[in-house]
Protein backbone atom coordinates (compact mmCIF):
# COMPACT_ATOMS: atom_id res chain seq x y z
CA UNK A 1 -50.24 20.73 -1.63
CA UNK A 2 -51.92 18.97 -4.59
CA UNK A 3 -49.64 16.04 -5.29
CA UNK A 4 -51.79 14.69 -7.92
CA UNK A 5 -51.98 17.82 -10.23
CA UNK A 6 -48.03 18.13 -10.11
CA UNK A 7 -48.14 21.36 -8.09
CA UNK A 8 -46.00 20.03 -5.44
CA UNK A 9 -42.89 22.38 -4.82
CA UNK A 10 -40.07 21.42 -2.47
CA UNK A 11 -39.19 23.70 0.40
CA UNK A 12 -36.25 26.05 -0.33
CA UNK A 13 -33.02 26.19 1.69
CA UNK A 14 -34.31 29.58 3.13
CA UNK A 15 -37.67 27.82 4.40
CA UNK A 16 -35.67 25.31 6.00
CA UNK A 17 -33.33 27.77 7.72
CA UNK A 18 -36.21 29.66 8.98
CA UNK A 19 -37.74 26.46 10.22
CA UNK A 20 -34.74 25.45 12.16
CA UNK A 21 -34.39 28.87 13.69
CA UNK A 22 -37.96 28.88 14.86
CA UNK A 23 -37.73 25.25 16.17
CA UNK A 24 -34.56 26.14 18.23
CA UNK A 25 -36.37 28.92 20.23
CA UNK A 26 -37.26 27.46 23.73
CA UNK A 27 -41.01 26.70 24.16
CA UNK A 28 -42.01 28.35 20.90
CA UNK A 29 -40.02 25.50 19.17
CA UNK A 30 -41.82 22.77 20.82
CA UNK A 31 -45.13 24.41 20.34
CA UNK A 32 -44.24 24.89 16.60
CA UNK A 33 -43.24 21.28 16.13
CA UNK A 34 -46.70 20.24 17.24
CA UNK A 35 -48.55 22.86 15.01
CA UNK A 36 -46.27 21.58 12.09
CA UNK A 37 -46.79 17.97 12.85
CA UNK A 38 -50.50 17.81 13.35
CA UNK A 39 -51.72 20.97 11.81
CA UNK A 40 -53.43 21.48 8.26
CA UNK A 41 -51.70 23.54 5.61
CA UNK A 42 -48.21 22.38 6.61
CA UNK A 43 -45.82 21.46 3.68
CA UNK A 44 -45.60 17.56 3.72
CA UNK A 45 -41.74 17.60 4.11
CA UNK A 46 -42.01 19.92 7.07
CA UNK A 47 -44.91 18.00 8.63
CA UNK A 48 -42.93 14.61 8.26
CA UNK A 49 -39.83 16.11 9.71
CA UNK A 50 -41.65 17.59 12.70
CA UNK A 51 -43.34 14.25 13.27
CA UNK A 52 -39.93 12.41 13.07
CA UNK A 53 -38.40 15.05 15.46
CA UNK A 54 -41.10 14.57 17.97
CA UNK A 55 -40.91 10.98 18.00
CA UNK A 56 -37.00 11.24 18.36
CA UNK A 57 -37.51 13.70 21.24
CA UNK A 58 -39.90 11.23 22.91
CA UNK A 59 -37.37 8.38 22.61
CA UNK A 60 -34.46 10.37 23.91
CA UNK A 61 -36.83 11.64 26.82
CA UNK A 62 -37.59 8.00 27.75
CA UNK A 63 -34.07 6.82 27.47
CA UNK A 64 -32.90 9.88 29.73
CA UNK A 65 -35.17 8.89 32.42
CA UNK A 66 -33.98 5.15 31.99
CA UNK A 67 -30.39 6.34 32.36
CA UNK A 68 -31.12 8.62 35.24
CA UNK A 69 -32.89 5.99 37.20
CA UNK A 70 -29.92 3.60 36.61
CA UNK A 71 -27.33 6.18 37.64
CA UNK A 72 -29.28 7.28 40.57
CA UNK A 73 -29.52 3.49 41.73
CA UNK A 74 -25.85 3.13 41.31
CA UNK A 75 -24.99 6.20 43.51
CA UNK A 76 -27.46 5.37 46.14
CA UNK A 77 -26.18 1.73 46.40
CA UNK A 78 -22.69 3.09 46.60
CA UNK A 79 -23.87 5.46 49.48
CA UNK A 80 -25.85 2.73 51.21
CA UNK A 81 -22.40 0.54 51.05
CA UNK A 82 -20.36 3.45 52.69
CA UNK A 83 -22.68 3.44 55.72
CA UNK A 84 -22.02 -0.18 56.58
CA UNK A 85 -18.37 0.48 57.08
CA UNK A 86 -18.78 3.09 59.69
């Protein structure tokens, strides 16, 4: 995309629908997100969207791990408390 010569064309709705469908396919979607986010020749809008989605996925993954650890700790402490009353 040459933005200085005015040849920038926004992505069409069809392009976005195809992009979403591809991104929802397990494993293929993840690989394509990395290709779109870091590859050359990708439309700037798609590139920025893929980078934002990968950052969001990383944040959700880290939060999921934190909540899992907290949940596991609470459950383990409840079961540890039951053994003291036996």
